[in-house]
Amino acid sequence: MILVLGSNGQLGRELLGLSRIAGLAMAGLPRQEADIADAEAVARALDAHRPTLVVNAGAYTKVDLAEQEPDKAWHANALGPEVLAKACAAAGIPLVHVSTDYVFDGTKDGAYREDDPIAPLGVYGRSKAAGEAAIRAHLPAHVILRTSWVYGVHGANFLKTMLRLAAERDELRVVADQRGCPTSTLDLARAILAVAGHLRQGGTAHGTYHFAGQEATTWHGFAARIVEGQAAVTGRSPTVTPIRTEHYPTPARRPANSELDSGLFARTFGFTARPWQEATDDAVARLAMQAAA
């Protein structure tokens, strides 16, 4: 039995959908039913479901708002993983935890590897880095997956925002000097199931790994691909204009380079994400089918 906490988010919903297709025993609890920072709630959840693996798919991900409400970010991203790690350690249950490229400052030339030093730029990144550290300190049997630019058919994300704006505007102005690896929730969910399979077979490849879509692009390049994909369905082709970060100021600083090297994950668990272009086209098509249904 795999227990997914934060199951009402975009990744949690993808995981539950995959489990139904694959016939896997998986249960999901949204934050409203089991706040991972509540030790009693976590203990009740573990006792009720008796999982062989816990997946923490939830997080506070409002990067800009975190600058105004750091307590909420710290509660979900740092305190929560610490409480959860302690509970899993006491019960002898391994944990898969999803982290972020925002633990890096984006100044490296080339893709970030797992052993590169972290230097988060804002509250969100610092809170996620603290969550990682807490898990390492309290639970040896963990797999931390750092990922980047996550999108999918569920929840709120960049891809769905671009689709909405493409339907409303004739021009989209998108930052072109930040690079990263767009990662489909479908691929990320499959990666987590690959980790689950490894652990189920007695594997002990615990530690921190990077997992993201193949190849890197800019937010502008990502947006242009999304707009191109939806044009065949909607007939709309708004202009996607590249702009610099300084022309789109935000409360939180973003890393200029969020590219992640996923080679270690592929070598360890035998799974690789699709090229981001292919996965993006797939998500756009899935959403178009939903809209037409």
C-alpha atoms as a PDB file:
ATOM      1  CA  MET A   1       0.000   0.000   0.000  1.00  0.00           C
ATOM      2  CA  ILE A   2       1.336   3.413  -1.030  1.00  0.00           C
ATOM      3  CA  LEU A   3      -0.028   6.389   0.930  1.00  0.00           C
ATOM      4  CA  VAL A   4       0.012   9.704  -0.938  1.00  0.00           C
ATOM      5  CA  LEU A   5      -0.212  12.809   1.237  1.00  0.00           C
ATOM      6  CA  GLY A   6      -1.247  16.002  -0.507  1.00  0.00           C
ATOM      7  CA  SER A   7      -3.333  13.924  -2.891  1.00  0.00           C
ATOM      8  CA  ASN A   8      -5.559  16.781  -4.048  1.00  0.00           C
ATOM      9  CA  GLY A   9      -2.684  18.590  -5.785  1.00  0.00           C
ATOM     10  CA  GLN A  10      -1.705  18.242  -9.422  1.00  0.00           C
ATOM     11  CA  LEU A  11       0.891  15.538  -8.740  1.00  0.00           C
ATOM     12  CA  GLY A  12      -1.220  13.658  -6.203  1.00  0.00           C
ATOM     13  CA  ARG A  13      -4.142  13.451  -8.578  1.00  0.00           C
ATOM     14  CA  GLU A  14      -1.858  12.174 -11.344  1.00  0.00           C
ATOM     15  CA  LEU A  15      -0.471   9.503  -9.027  1.00  0.00           C
ATOM     16  CA  LEU A  16      -3.917   8.290  -8.023  1.00  0.00           C
ATOM     17  CA  GLY A  17      -4.989   8.149 -11.667  1.00  0.00           C
ATOM     18  CA  LEU A  18      -1.945   6.081 -12.627  1.00  0.00           C
ATOM     19  CA  SER A  19      -2.511   3.711  -9.722  1.00  0.00           C
ATOM     20  CA  ARG A  20      -6.050   2.981 -10.889  1.00  0.00           C
ATOM     21  CA  ILE A  21      -4.836   2.216 -14.402  1.00  0.00           C
ATOM     22  CA  ALA A  22      -2.019  -0.013 -13.121  1.00  0.00           C
ATOM     23  CA  GLY A  23      -4.110  -1.685 -10.436  1.00  0.00           C
ATOM     24  CA  LEU A  24      -1.770  -0.564  -7.654  1.00  0.00           C
ATOM     25  CA  ALA A  25      -2.846  -0.368  -4.027  1.00  0.00           C
ATOM     26  CA  MET A  26      -2.701   3.349  -3.303  1.00  0.00           C
ATOM     27  CA  ALA A  27      -4.590   5.642  -0.942  1.00  0.00           C
ATOM     28  CA  GLY A  28      -4.612   9.417  -0.992  1.00  0.00           C
ATOM     29  CA  LEU A  29      -5.215  11.972   1.741  1.00  0.00           C
ATOM     30  CA  PRO A  30      -5.561  15.707   1.016  1.00  0.00           C
ATOM     31  CA  ARG A  31      -4.021  18.242   3.371  1.00  0.00           C
ATOM     32  CA  GLN A  32      -7.447  18.974   4.880  1.00  0.00           C
ATOM     33  CA  GLU A  33      -7.577  15.379   6.154  1.00  0.00           C
ATOM     34  CA  ALA A  34      -3.929  14.961   7.126  1.00  0.00           C
ATOM     35  CA  ASP A  35      -1.756  18.043   7.605  1.00  0.00           C
ATOM     36  CA  ILE A  36       1.769  16.621   7.573  1.00  0.00           C
ATOM     37  CA  ALA A  37       2.836  19.197  10.163  1.00  0.00           C
ATOM     38  CA  ASP A  38       0.299  17.709  12.604  1.00  0.00           C
ATOM     39  CA  ALA A  39       2.017  14.769  14.301  1.00  0.00           C
ATOM     40  CA  GLU A  40      -1.250  13.290  15.571  1.00  0.00           C
ATOM     41  CA  ALA A  41      -2.884  13.481  12.147  1.00  0.00           C
ATOM     42  CA  VAL A  42       0.136  11.807  10.530  1.00  0.00           C
ATOM     43  CA  ALA A  43       0.167   9.061  13.172  1.00  0.00           C
ATOM     44  CA  ARG A  44      -3.543   8.381  12.596  1.00  0.00           C
ATOM     45  CA  ALA A  45      -3.017   8.206   8.826  1.00  0.00           C
ATOM     46  CA  LEU A  46      -0.127   5.751   9.117  1.00  0.00           C
ATOM     47  CA  ASP A  47      -2.035   3.613  11.592  1.00  0.00           C
ATOM     48  CA  ALA A  48      -5.197   3.554   9.480  1.00  0.00           C
ATOM     49  CA  HIS A  49      -3.530   2.710   6.148  1.00  0.00           C
ATOM     50  CA  ARG A  50      -0.383   0.860   7.282  1.00  0.00           C
ATOM     51  CA  PRO A  51       1.515   1.786   4.092  1.00  0.00           C
ATOM     52  CA  THR A  52       4.735   0.222   2.899  1.00  0.00           C
ATOM     53  CA  LEU A  53       5.698   3.584   1.308  1.00  0.00           C
ATOM     54  CA  VAL A  54       4.661   7.192   1.918  1.00  0.00           C
ATOM     55  CA  VAL A  55       4.773   9.822  -0.836  1.00  0.00           C
ATOM     56  CA  ASN A  56       4.662  13.487   0.138  1.00  0.00           C
ATOM     57  CA  ALA A  57       3.147  15.101  -2.948  1.00  0.00           C
ATOM     58  CA  GLY A  58       1.982  18.273  -1.225  1.00  0.00           C
ATOM     59  CA  ALA A  59       3.757  21.571  -0.657  1.00  0.00           C
ATOM     60  CA  TYR A  60       3.284  25.309  -0.369  1.00  0.00           C
ATOM     61  CA  THR A  61       4.191  26.384  -3.915  1.00  0.00           C
ATOM     62  CA  LYS A  62       3.089  30.041  -4.100  1.00  0.00           C
ATOM     63  CA  VAL A  63       6.567  31.366  -4.722  1.00  0.00           C
ATOM     64  CA  ASP A  64       5.727  35.078  -4.657  1.00  0.00           C
ATOM     65  CA  LEU A  65       3.171  34.933  -1.848  1.00  0.00           C
ATOM     66  CA  ALA A  66       5.701  33.083   0.307  1.00  0.00           C
ATOM     67  CA  GLU A  67       7.603  36.362   0.637  1.00  0.00           C
ATOM     68  CA  GLN A  68       4.554  37.828   2.410  1.00  0.00           C
ATOM     69  CA  GLU A  69       3.522  34.776   4.422  1.00  0.00           C
ATOM     70  CA  PRO A  70       6.715  32.888   5.271  1.00  0.00           C
ATOM     71  CA  ASP A  71       5.089  31.133   8.225  1.00  0.00           C
ATOM     72  CA  LYS A  72       2.727  29.255   5.904  1.00  0.00           C
ATOM     73  CA  ALA A  73       5.569  28.255   3.567  1.00  0.00           C
ATOM     74  CA  TRP A  74       7.711  27.091   6.494  1.00  0.00           C
ATOM     75  CA  HIS A  75       4.812  25.157   8.027  1.00  0.00           C
ATOM     76  CA  ALA A  76       4.166  23.120   4.871  1.00  0.00           C
ATOM     77  CA  ASN A  77       7.653  22.879   3.391  1.00  0.00           C
ATOM     78  CA  ALA A  78       9.937  22.582   6.424  1.00  0.00           C
ATOM     79  CA  LEU A  79       8.001  21.667   9.582  1.00  0.00           C
ATOM     80  CA  GLY A  80       5.715  19.248   7.699  1.00  0.00           C
ATOM     81  CA  PRO A  81       8.521  17.139   6.202  1.00  0.00           C
ATOM     82  CA  GLU A  82      10.265  17.045   9.591  1.00  0.00           C
ATOM     83  CA  VAL A  83       7.148  15.743  11.355  1.00  0.00           C
ATOM     84  CA  LEU A  84       6.494  13.268   8.556  1.00  0.00           C
ATOM     85  CA  ALA A  85      10.094  12.017   8.509  1.00  0.00           C
ATOM     86  CA  LYS A  86      10.045  11.394  12.258  1.00  0.00           C
ATOM     87  CA  ALA A  87       6.765   9.494  11.996  1.00  0.00           C
ATOM     88  CA  CYS A  88       8.009   7.368   9.096  1.00  0.00           C
ATOM     89  CA  ALA A  89      11.243   6.633  10.965  1.00  0.00           C
ATOM     90  CA  ALA A  90       9.313   5.478  14.030  1.00  0.00           C
ATOM     91  CA  ALA A  91       7.106   3.228  11.889  1.00  0.00           C
ATOM     92  CA  GLY A  92       9.919   1.913   9.677  1.00  0.00           C
ATOM     93  CA  ILE A  93       8.359   3.264   6.471  1.00  0.00           C
ATOM     94  CA  PRO A  94      10.391   4.792   3.603  1.00  0.00           C
ATOM     95  CA  LEU A  95       9.411   8.221   2.273  1.00  0.00           C
ATOM     96  CA  VAL A  96       9.471   9.760  -1.198  1.00  0.00           C
ATOM     97  CA  HIS A  97       9.498  13.556  -0.981  1.00  0.00           C
ATOM     98  CA  VAL A  98       9.272  16.023  -3.863  1.00  0.00           C
ATOM     99  CA  SER A  99      11.535  19.073  -3.754  1.00  0.00           C
ATOM    100  CA  THR A 100      12.515  21.819  -6.178  1.00  0.00           C
ATOM    101  CA  ASP A 101      15.106  23.473  -8.373  1.00  0.00           C
ATOM    102  CA  TYR A 102      14.559  26.629  -6.285  1.00  0.00           C
ATOM    103  CA  VAL A 103      17.072  25.343  -3.727  1.00  0.00           C
ATOM    104  CA  PHE A 104      19.704  26.618  -6.205  1.00  0.00           C
ATOM    105  CA  ASP A 105      20.502  30.242  -7.014  1.00  0.00           C
ATOM    106  CA  GLY A 106      20.676  29.712 -10.789  1.00  0.00           C
ATOM    107  CA  THR A 107      24.198  31.051 -11.304  1.00  0.00           C
ATOM    108  CA  LYS A 108      25.779  27.799 -12.506  1.00  0.00           C
ATOM    109  CA  ASP A 109      26.702  27.322 -16.147  1.00  0.00           C
ATOM    110  CA  GLY A 110      25.080  24.050 -17.178  1.00  0.00           C
ATOM    111  CA  ALA A 111      22.733  21.638 -15.475  1.00  0.00           C
ATOM    112  CA  TYR A 112      22.696  21.266 -11.706  1.00  0.00           C
ATOM    113  CA  ARG A 113      23.750  17.943 -10.212  1.00  0.00           C
ATOM    114  CA  GLU A 114      22.720  16.537  -6.853  1.00  0.00           C
ATOM    115  CA  ASP A 115      26.037  17.407  -5.209  1.00  0.00           C
ATOM    116  CA  ASP A 116      26.067  21.050  -6.278  1.00  0.00           C
ATOM    117  CA  PRO A 117      25.874  23.485  -3.331  1.00  0.00           C
ATOM    118  CA  ILE A 118      22.443  24.937  -2.652  1.00  0.00           C
ATOM    119  CA  ALA A 119      21.814  28.673  -2.253  1.00  0.00           C
ATOM    120  CA  PRO A 120      18.069  29.452  -2.378  1.00  0.00           C
ATOM    121  CA  LEU A 121      17.101  32.996  -3.331  1.00  0.00           C
ATOM    122  CA  GLY A 122      13.776  33.344  -1.507  1.00  0.00           C
ATOM    123  CA  VAL A 123      11.468  32.072   1.206  1.00  0.00           C
ATOM    124  CA  TYR A 124      10.043  29.273  -0.927  1.00  0.00           C
ATOM    125  CA  GLY A 125      13.455  27.863  -1.809  1.00  0.00           C
ATOM    126  CA  ARG A 126      14.751  28.217   1.744  1.00  0.00           C
ATOM    127  CA  SER A 127      11.712  26.455   3.178  1.00  0.00           C
ATOM    128  CA  LYS A 128      12.084  23.572   0.718  1.00  0.00           C
ATOM    129  CA  ALA A 129      15.800  23.294   1.468  1.00  0.00           C
ATOM    130  CA  ALA A 130      14.984  23.127   5.191  1.00  0.00           C
ATOM    131  CA  GLY A 131      12.479  20.344   4.495  1.00  0.00           C
ATOM    132  CA  GLU A 132      15.129  18.368   2.652  1.00  0.00           C
ATOM    133  CA  ALA A 133      17.576  18.782   5.539  1.00  0.00           C
ATOM    134  CA  ALA A 134      15.000  17.669   8.092  1.00  0.00           C
ATOM    135  CA  ILE A 135      14.251  14.484   6.167  1.00  0.00           C
ATOM    136  CA  ARG A 136      17.938  13.633   5.860  1.00  0.00           C
ATOM    137  CA  ALA A 137      18.411  14.233   9.570  1.00  0.00           C
ATOM    138  CA  HIS A 138      15.541  12.053  10.780  1.00  0.00           C
ATOM    139  CA  LEU A 139      14.907   9.341   8.165  1.00  0.00           C
ATOM    140  CA  PRO A 140      17.699   7.434   6.403  1.00  0.00           C
ATOM    141  CA  ALA A 141      15.192   5.524   4.222  1.00  0.00           C
ATOM    142  CA  HIS A 142      14.174   8.436   2.002  1.00  0.00           C
ATOM    143  CA  VAL A 143      14.225   9.455  -1.637  1.00  0.00           C
ATOM    144  CA  ILE A 144      14.128  13.192  -2.290  1.00  0.00           C
ATOM    145  CA  LEU A 145      13.234  14.102  -5.866  1.00  0.00           C
ATOM    146  CA  ARG A 146      14.124  17.614  -6.959  1.00  0.00           C
ATOM    147  CA  THR A 147      12.163  18.638 -10.011  1.00  0.00           C
ATOM    148  CA  SER A 148      11.432  21.820 -11.965  1.00  0.00           C
ATOM    149  CA  TRP A 149       8.728  23.727 -13.813  1.00  0.00           C
ATOM    150  CA  VAL A 150       6.019  21.174 -13.037  1.00  0.00           C
ATOM    151  CA  TYR A 151       2.832  21.227 -15.113  1.00  0.00           C
ATOM    152  CA  GLY A 152      -0.027  18.901 -15.983  1.00  0.00           C
ATOM    153  CA  VAL A 153      -3.734  18.580 -16.621  1.00  0.00           C
ATOM    154  CA  HIS A 154      -4.711  18.986 -12.962  1.00  0.00           C
ATOM    155  CA  GLY A 155      -4.504  21.990 -10.675  1.00  0.00           C
ATOM    156  CA  ALA A 156      -2.997  25.373 -11.484  1.00  0.00           C
ATOM    157  CA  ASN A 157       0.254  25.633 -13.425  1.00  0.00           C
ATOM    158  CA  PHE A 158       2.068  27.571 -16.140  1.00  0.00           C
ATOM    159  CA  LEU A 159       0.773  25.473 -19.021  1.00  0.00           C
ATOM    160  CA  LYS A 160      -2.862  25.950 -18.035  1.00  0.00           C
ATOM    161  CA  THR A 161      -2.284  29.677 -17.485  1.00  0.00           C
ATOM    162  CA  MET A 162      -0.832  30.022 -20.985  1.00  0.00           C
ATOM    163  CA  LEU A 163      -3.807  28.168 -22.467  1.00  0.00           C
ATOM    164  CA  ARG A 164      -6.194  30.532 -20.704  1.00  0.00           C
ATOM    165  CA  LEU A 165      -4.285  33.623 -21.808  1.00  0.00           C
ATOM    166  CA  ALA A 166      -4.034  32.336 -25.384  1.00  0.00           C
ATOM    167  CA  ALA A 167      -7.833  32.248 -25.467  1.00  0.00           C
ATOM    168  CA  GLU A 168      -8.110  35.800 -24.109  1.00  0.00           C
ATOM    169  CA  ARG A 169      -5.244  37.817 -25.603  1.00  0.00           C
ATOM    170  CA  ASP A 170      -3.606  38.499 -28.945  1.00  0.00           C
ATOM    171  CA  GLU A 171      -0.148  38.864 -27.392  1.00  0.00           C
ATOM    172  CA  LEU A 172       1.566  37.007 -24.549  1.00  0.00           C
ATOM    173  CA  ARG A 173       4.717  38.590 -23.090  1.00  0.00           C
ATOM    174  CA  VAL A 174       6.860  35.887 -21.502  1.00  0.00           C
ATOM    175  CA  VAL A 175      10.270  35.921 -19.805  1.00  0.00           C
ATOM    176  CA  ALA A 176      13.028  34.602 -22.083  1.00  0.00           C
ATOM    177  CA  ASP A 177      16.142  34.828 -19.886  1.00  0.00           C
ATOM    178  CA  GLN A 178      15.301  32.109 -17.356  1.00  0.00           C
ATOM    179  CA  ARG A 179      16.050  28.503 -18.298  1.00  0.00           C
ATOM    180  CA  GLY A 180      14.683  25.262 -16.928  1.00  0.00           C
ATOM    181  CA  CYS A 181      13.356  21.792 -17.704  1.00  0.00           C
ATOM    182  CA  PRO A 182       9.540  21.670 -17.923  1.00  0.00           C
ATOM    183  CA  THR A 183       8.377  18.514 -16.154  1.00  0.00           C
ATOM    184  CA  SER A 184       5.068  16.781 -16.769  1.00  0.00           C
ATOM    185  CA  THR A 185       3.209  15.536 -13.694  1.00  0.00           C
ATOM    186  CA  LEU A 186       2.580  12.344 -15.652  1.00  0.00           C
ATOM    187  CA  ASP A 187       6.323  11.723 -16.035  1.00  0.00           C
ATOM    188  CA  LEU A 188       6.979  12.717 -12.424  1.00  0.00           C
ATOM    189  CA  ALA A 189       4.280  10.336 -11.199  1.00  0.00           C
ATOM    190  CA  ARG A 190       5.785   7.543 -13.301  1.00  0.00           C
ATOM    191  CA  ALA A 191       9.192   8.332 -11.811  1.00  0.00           C
ATOM    192  CA  ILE A 192       7.774   8.005  -8.294  1.00  0.00           C
ATOM    193  CA  LEU A 193       6.270   4.639  -9.198  1.00  0.00           C
ATOM    194  CA  ALA A 194       9.674   3.573 -10.523  1.00  0.00           C
ATOM    195  CA  VAL A 195      11.162   4.458  -7.132  1.00  0.00           C
ATOM    196  CA  ALA A 196       8.335   2.571  -5.415  1.00  0.00           C
ATOM    197  CA  GLY A 197       9.077  -0.517  -7.511  1.00  0.00           C
ATOM    198  CA  HIS A 198      12.764  -0.335  -6.626  1.00  0.00           C
ATOM    199  CA  LEU A 199      12.007  -0.085  -2.904  1.00  0.00           C
ATOM    200  CA  ARG A 200       9.389  -2.842  -3.087  1.00  0.00           C
ATOM    201  CA  GLN A 201      12.031  -5.184  -4.488  1.00  0.00           C
ATOM    202  CA  GLY A 202      14.309  -4.463  -1.547  1.00  0.00           C
ATOM    203  CA  GLY A 203      16.360  -1.708  -3.158  1.00  0.00           C
ATOM    204  CA  THR A 204      18.186   0.707  -0.891  1.00  0.00           C
ATOM    205  CA  ALA A 205      19.085   3.526  -3.290  1.00  0.00           C
ATOM    206  CA  HIS A 206      18.120   6.182  -0.769  1.00  0.00           C
ATOM    207  CA  GLY A 207      19.188   9.797  -1.143  1.00  0.00           C
ATOM    208  CA  THR A 208      18.600  12.881  -3.258  1.00  0.00           C
ATOM    209  CA  TYR A 209      17.954  12.739  -7.000  1.00  0.00           C
ATOM    210  CA  HIS A 210      17.074  15.136  -9.771  1.00  0.00           C
ATOM    211  CA  PHE A 211      14.213  14.299 -12.107  1.00  0.00           C
ATOM    212  CA  ALA A 212      12.976  16.674 -14.792  1.00  0.00           C
ATOM    213  CA  GLY A 213      11.886  16.777 -18.410  1.00  0.00           C
ATOM    214  CA  GLN A 214      14.561  16.117 -21.002  1.00  0.00           C
ATOM    215  CA  GLU A 215      16.297  19.173 -22.433  1.00  0.00           C
ATOM    216  CA  ALA A 216      16.035  22.777 -21.296  1.00  0.00           C
ATOM    217  CA  THR A 217      14.168  25.783 -22.602  1.00  0.00           C
ATOM    218  CA  THR A 218      13.090  29.235 -21.465  1.00  0.00           C
ATOM    219  CA  TRP A 219       9.683  30.256 -20.167  1.00  0.00           C
ATOM    220  CA  HIS A 220       9.225  31.924 -23.561  1.00  0.00           C
ATOM    221  CA  GLY A 221      10.129  28.750 -25.438  1.00  0.00           C
ATOM    222  CA  PHE A 222       7.786  26.743 -23.219  1.00  0.00           C
ATOM    223  CA  ALA A 223       4.952  29.206 -23.797  1.00  0.00           C
ATOM    224  CA  ALA A 224       5.514  29.255 -27.556  1.00  0.00           C
ATOM    225  CA  ARG A 225       5.219  25.459 -27.695  1.00  0.00           C
ATOM    226  CA  ILE A 226       1.986  25.562 -25.672  1.00  0.00           C
ATOM    227  CA  VAL A 227       0.462  28.221 -27.903  1.00  0.00           C
ATOM    228  CA  GLU A 228       1.493  26.325 -31.025  1.00  0.00           C
ATOM    229  CA  GLY A 229      -0.124  23.165 -29.695  1.00  0.00           C
ATOM    230  CA  GLN A 230      -3.448  24.758 -28.877  1.00  0.00           C
ATOM    231  CA  ALA A 231      -3.716  26.583 -32.218  1.00  0.00           C
ATOM    232  CA  ALA A 232      -4.693  23.393 -34.048  1.00  0.00           C
ATOM    233  CA  VAL A 233      -7.683  23.017 -31.733  1.00  0.00           C
ATOM    234  CA  THR A 234      -8.763  26.620 -31.117  1.00  0.00           C
ATOM    235  CA  GLY A 235      -7.609  28.321 -34.294  1.00  0.00           C
ATOM    236  CA  ARG A 236      -6.025  31.071 -32.188  1.00  0.00           C
ATOM    237  CA  SER A 237      -2.379  32.039 -32.686  1.00  0.00           C
ATOM    238  CA  PRO A 238      -1.489  34.923 -30.385  1.00  0.00           C
ATOM    239  CA  THR A 239       2.013  36.372 -30.617  1.00  0.00           C
ATOM    240  CA  VAL A 240       4.405  35.178 -27.919  1.00  0.00           C
ATOM    241  CA  THR A 241       6.838  38.042 -27.290  1.00  0.00           C
ATOM    242  CA  PRO A 242      10.108  37.445 -25.412  1.00  0.00           C
ATOM    243  CA  ILE A 243      10.891  39.810 -22.547  1.00  0.00           C
ATOM    244  CA  ARG A 244      13.610  40.082 -19.907  1.00  0.00           C
ATOM    245  CA  THR A 245      13.118  39.287 -16.232  1.00  0.00           C
ATOM    246  CA  GLU A 246      13.518  42.968 -15.358  1.00  0.00           C
ATOM    247  CA  HIS A 247      10.430  43.750 -17.449  1.00  0.00           C
ATOM    248  CA  TYR A 248       8.312  41.335 -15.384  1.00  0.00           C
ATOM    249  CA  PRO A 249       9.213  42.110 -11.759  1.00  0.00           C
ATOM    250  CA  THR A 250       7.975  39.688  -9.094  1.00  0.00           C
ATOM    251  CA  PRO A 251       8.196  39.725  -5.277  1.00  0.00           C
ATOM    252  CA  ALA A 252      10.412  36.624  -5.292  1.00  0.00           C
ATOM    253  CA  ARG A 253      13.630  36.265  -7.272  1.00  0.00           C
ATOM    254  CA  ARG A 254      13.772  33.285  -9.634  1.00  0.00           C
ATOM    255  CA  PRO A 255      16.904  31.312 -10.553  1.00  0.00           C
ATOM    256  CA  ALA A 256      18.111  32.296 -14.016  1.00  0.00           C
ATOM    257  CA  ASN A 257      19.193  28.693 -14.570  1.00  0.00           C
ATOM    258  CA  SER A 258      16.986  25.888 -13.231  1.00  0.00           C
ATOM    259  CA  GLU A 259      18.285  23.131 -15.513  1.00  0.00           C
ATOM    260  CA  LEU A 260      18.605  19.816 -13.665  1.00  0.00           C
ATOM    261  CA  ASP A 261      20.808  16.860 -14.623  1.00  0.00           C
ATOM    262  CA  SER A 262      18.606  13.760 -14.270  1.00  0.00           C
ATOM    263  CA  GLY A 263      21.283  11.262 -15.217  1.00  0.00           C
ATOM    264  CA  LEU A 264      21.725   9.780 -11.739  1.00  0.00           C
ATOM    265  CA  PHE A 265      18.013   9.022 -11.466  1.00  0.00           C
ATOM    266  CA  ALA A 266      17.977   7.341 -14.881  1.00  0.00           C
ATOM    267  CA  ARG A 267      20.995   5.182 -14.040  1.00  0.00           C
ATOM    268  CA  THR A 268      19.600   4.210 -10.637  1.00  0.00           C
ATOM    269  CA  PHE A 269      15.916   3.644 -11.350  1.00  0.00           C
ATOM    270  CA  GLY A 270      15.915   2.954 -15.097  1.00  0.00           C
ATOM    271  CA  PHE A 271      13.425   5.642 -16.031  1.00  0.00           C
ATOM    272  CA  THR A 272      13.777   8.885 -18.003  1.00  0.00           C
ATOM    273  CA  ALA A 273      11.276  11.658 -18.612  1.00  0.00           C
ATOM    274  CA  ARG A 274      10.139  12.396 -22.137  1.00  0.00           C
ATOM    275  CA  PRO A 275      11.569  15.372 -24.039  1.00  0.00           C
ATOM    276  CA  TRP A 276       9.700  18.397 -22.711  1.00  0.00           C
ATOM    277  CA  GLN A 277       8.292  19.180 -26.176  1.00  0.00           C
ATOM    278  CA  GLU A 278       6.644  15.762 -26.479  1.00  0.00           C
ATOM    279  CA  ALA A 279       5.256  15.851 -22.955  1.00  0.00           C
ATOM    280  CA  THR A 280       3.938  19.396 -23.445  1.00  0.00           C
ATOM    281  CA  ASP A 281       2.155  18.447 -26.650  1.00  0.00           C
ATOM    282  CA  ASP A 282       0.611  15.491 -24.834  1.00  0.00           C
ATOM    283  CA  ALA A 283      -0.680  17.643 -21.951  1.00  0.00           C
ATOM    284  CA  VAL A 284      -2.144  20.212 -24.364  1.00  0.00           C
ATOM    285  CA  ALA A 285      -3.893  17.422 -26.267  1.00  0.00           C
ATOM    286  CA  ARG A 286      -5.252  15.905 -23.029  1.00  0.00           C
ATOM    287  CA  LEU A 287      -6.673  19.242 -21.948  1.00  0.00           C
ATOM    288  CA  ALA A 288      -8.160  19.852 -25.402  1.00  0.00           C
ATOM    289  CA  MET A 289      -9.906  16.475 -25.213  1.00  0.00           C
ATOM    290  CA  GLN A 290     -11.270  17.336 -21.766  1.00  0.00           C
ATOM    291  CA  ALA A 291     -12.570  20.665 -23.033  1.00  0.00           C
ATOM    292  CA  ALA A 292     -14.263  19.003 -25.996  1.00  0.00           C
ATOM    293  CA  ALA A 293     -15.892  16.265 -23.876  1.00  0.00           C
END
